[in-house]
Amino acid sequence: MAKIKQEEEKGFGDSDMREPKEESIERDKKNGWDHEKCTKDGKDMSHQIFDAPVKGQKLIYVKLPDGSFKFSPRPEPNPLARGPRPTTLPHSMLGKAGKVIGAGECETDADGKIVHADNFSGHYQPGEKNLEETKKNMEKQNMAKEGTKFNVLDKAGKVIKQI
């Protein structure tokens, strides 16, 4: 309770956290995702979830209520490759279909520092306030490089503001 009160005094509280959209969770289940077991069609996917940013990669992330982050690779499809498209975990897998402070995509440099981050998540649809809190947390935890661009995106993925 003290933690929530402290967060509210800072301008971000429990009411600002985001829950995944129910239709997104239902779609995940139909597509074979199990948020509790961290599986896709019965196959363990936990090896794709990291507690810290990975060097030189595009990633998705969530900021959890306990203050920790979870990251997963965001592979780019190769238009020349045959076969199935690389699997990107949904944000809801990183957040175990629960509440999060923030969610989006980011990119890291060769040192593993975040150089770009945004709030793009169809499951959680975080807003500017969520990205502001995420930015503070990434900077405080020394994950973001100085000068990192944090872009607020609308639901269509267009940049509407940089913070």
Protein backbone atom coordinates (compact mmCIF):
# COMPACT_ATOMS: atom_id res chain seq x y z
CA MET A 1 0.00 0.00 0.00
CA ALA A 2 2.85 2.41 0.82
CA LYS A 3 4.37 1.75 -2.60
CA ILE A 4 1.13 2.72 -4.39
CA LYS A 5 0.78 5.86 -2.27
CA GLN A 6 4.40 6.78 -3.03
CA GLU A 7 3.79 6.26 -6.76
CA GLU A 8 0.65 8.41 -6.67
CA GLU A 9 2.60 11.20 -4.95
CA LYS A 10 5.05 11.06 -7.86
CA GLY A 11 2.22 11.29 -10.36
CA PHE A 12 1.97 7.66 -11.45
CA GLY A 13 -0.21 5.17 -9.61
CA ASP A 14 -2.06 1.89 -9.92
CA SER A 15 -4.84 3.52 -11.94
CA ASP A 16 -2.28 4.47 -14.61
CA MET A 17 -1.17 0.89 -15.18
CA ARG A 18 -2.31 -0.89 -18.31
CA GLU A 19 -4.08 -4.23 -18.62
CA PRO A 20 -4.07 -6.15 -21.90
CA LYS A 21 -7.17 -5.85 -24.04
CA GLU A 22 -9.41 -8.86 -23.53
CA GLU A 23 -9.80 -9.43 -27.28
CA SER A 24 -5.99 -9.55 -27.58
CA ILE A 25 -5.76 -12.21 -24.88
CA GLU A 26 -8.51 -14.25 -26.55
CA ARG A 27 -6.70 -13.98 -29.90
CA ASP A 28 -3.46 -15.12 -28.22
CA LYS A 29 -5.22 -18.20 -26.82
CA LYS A 30 -6.69 -19.05 -30.25
CA ASN A 31 -3.18 -18.72 -31.72
CA GLY A 32 -1.74 -21.21 -29.22
CA TRP A 33 -0.15 -18.88 -26.64
CA ASP A 34 -0.33 -19.83 -22.96
CA HIS A 35 0.63 -16.85 -20.80
CA GLU A 36 0.93 -18.82 -17.55
CA LYS A 37 3.15 -21.58 -18.95
CA CYS A 38 4.98 -19.26 -21.38
CA THR A 39 4.37 -21.61 -24.30
CA LYS A 40 3.30 -21.43 -27.94
CA ASP A 41 1.46 -24.55 -29.11
CA GLY A 42 2.95 -26.37 -26.10
CA LYS A 43 6.54 -25.31 -26.90
CA ASP A 44 8.44 -23.48 -24.14
CA MET A 45 9.18 -19.87 -25.15
CA SER A 46 10.75 -18.66 -21.88
CA HIS A 47 14.22 -18.73 -23.49
CA GLN A 48 13.13 -15.67 -25.52
CA ILE A 49 12.46 -13.50 -22.44
CA PHE A 50 15.28 -11.50 -20.86
CA ASP A 51 15.58 -9.31 -17.75
CA ALA A 52 17.93 -6.85 -19.47
CA PRO A 53 18.23 -5.43 -22.99
CA VAL A 54 20.21 -7.52 -25.48
CA LYS A 55 23.09 -5.88 -27.38
CA GLY A 56 22.43 -4.54 -30.87
CA GLN A 57 18.85 -5.70 -31.30
CA LYS A 58 15.30 -4.61 -31.89
CA LEU A 59 13.23 -5.69 -28.90
CA ILE A 60 9.81 -5.54 -27.37
CA TYR A 61 9.57 -4.73 -23.66
CA VAL A 62 7.22 -4.42 -20.72
CA LYS A 63 7.79 -2.56 -17.47
CA LEU A 64 6.26 -4.61 -14.64
CA PRO A 65 4.59 -3.24 -11.49
CA ASP A 66 7.49 -4.51 -9.32
CA GLY A 67 9.89 -2.19 -11.19
CA SER A 68 11.54 -4.82 -13.36
CA PHE A 69 11.63 -5.00 -17.14
CA LYS A 70 11.18 -7.96 -19.49
CA PHE A 71 12.55 -7.92 -23.04
CA SER A 72 12.24 -10.20 -26.06
CA PRO A 73 13.74 -10.06 -29.57
CA ARG A 74 11.70 -8.46 -32.36
CA PRO A 75 13.01 -10.36 -35.38
CA GLU A 76 12.60 -8.79 -38.79
CA PRO A 77 11.06 -11.06 -41.42
CA ASN A 78 13.40 -11.92 -44.26
CA PRO A 79 11.50 -11.44 -47.53
CA LEU A 80 13.83 -13.91 -49.27
CA ALA A 81 13.49 -16.67 -46.68
CA ARG A 82 11.13 -19.57 -47.18
CA GLY A 83 9.09 -21.06 -44.42
CA PRO A 84 7.39 -19.58 -41.40
CA ARG A 85 7.94 -16.01 -40.35
CA PRO A 86 10.13 -15.52 -37.23
CA THR A 87 8.06 -15.58 -34.05
CA THR A 88 7.81 -12.44 -31.95
CA LEU A 89 6.30 -12.98 -28.55
CA PRO A 90 3.26 -10.83 -27.82
CA HIS A 91 3.70 -8.19 -25.12
CA SER A 92 1.17 -10.12 -23.05
CA MET A 93 3.62 -13.04 -22.73
CA LEU A 94 6.23 -10.75 -21.18
CA GLY A 95 3.61 -9.31 -18.82
CA LYS A 96 1.97 -12.72 -18.16
CA ALA A 97 -1.34 -11.14 -19.25
CA GLY A 98 -1.31 -8.93 -16.15
CA LYS A 99 -0.98 -5.21 -15.45
CA VAL A 100 2.11 -3.34 -16.63
CA ILE A 101 3.46 0.16 -16.16
CA GLY A 102 4.56 0.40 -19.78
CA ALA A 103 5.06 -1.61 -22.96
CA GLY A 104 6.48 -0.98 -26.39
CA GLU A 105 9.41 -1.53 -28.68
CA CYS A 106 13.03 -0.46 -28.35
CA GLU A 107 16.39 -0.77 -30.03
CA THR A 108 19.83 -1.18 -28.46
CA ASP A 109 23.36 -0.31 -29.50
CA ALA A 110 26.43 -2.59 -29.46
CA ASP A 111 26.81 -1.98 -25.71
CA GLY A 112 23.22 -3.02 -24.94
CA LYS A 113 22.08 0.55 -24.18
CA ILE A 114 18.65 1.57 -25.40
CA VAL A 115 18.91 4.21 -28.13
CA HIS A 116 15.24 4.34 -29.10
CA ALA A 117 12.03 3.35 -27.32
CA ASP A 118 8.33 3.85 -27.88
CA ASN A 119 4.94 2.83 -26.51
CA PHE A 120 3.80 0.64 -29.41
CA SER A 121 1.79 -2.29 -28.02
CA GLY A 122 -1.56 -3.39 -29.38
CA HIS A 123 -2.16 -5.60 -26.34
CA TYR A 124 -1.64 -2.91 -23.68
CA GLN A 125 -2.02 0.33 -25.65
CA PRO A 126 0.02 2.44 -23.20
CA GLY A 127 -0.15 6.21 -23.44
CA GLU A 128 2.23 9.10 -22.99
CA LYS A 129 2.14 8.91 -19.18
CA ASN A 130 3.17 5.23 -19.33
CA LEU A 131 6.08 6.05 -21.65
CA GLU A 132 7.17 8.93 -19.40
CA GLU A 133 7.29 6.55 -16.41
CA THR A 134 9.12 3.94 -18.48
CA LYS A 135 11.65 6.57 -19.62
CA LYS A 136 12.34 7.57 -16.00
CA ASN A 137 12.81 3.93 -15.02
CA MET A 138 15.07 3.07 -17.96
CA GLU A 139 17.26 6.09 -17.24
CA LYS A 140 17.35 5.39 -13.49
CA GLN A 141 18.36 1.77 -14.12
CA ASN A 142 21.05 2.94 -16.58
CA MET A 143 19.49 1.04 -19.48
CA ALA A 144 19.06 4.03 -21.77
CA LYS A 145 21.90 5.83 -23.45
CA GLU A 146 22.10 9.59 -22.98
CA GLY A 147 20.06 11.21 -25.74
CA THR A 148 17.79 8.19 -26.20
CA LYS A 149 14.71 9.04 -28.24
CA PHE A 150 11.41 8.14 -26.61
CA ASN A 151 8.59 8.43 -29.14
CA VAL A 152 4.94 8.59 -28.16
CA LEU A 153 2.97 6.76 -30.85
CA ASP A 154 -0.72 6.79 -31.60
CA LYS A 155 -2.65 3.51 -32.02
CA ALA A 156 -1.73 3.42 -35.72
CA GLY A 157 2.00 3.61 -34.91
CA LYS A 158 2.55 7.24 -35.97
CA VAL A 159 4.90 9.39 -33.89
CA ILE A 160 2.88 12.15 -32.23
CA LYS A 161 5.44 13.41 -29.76
CA GLN A 162 8.99 12.89 -28.55
CA ILE A 163 9.75 13.02 -24.82
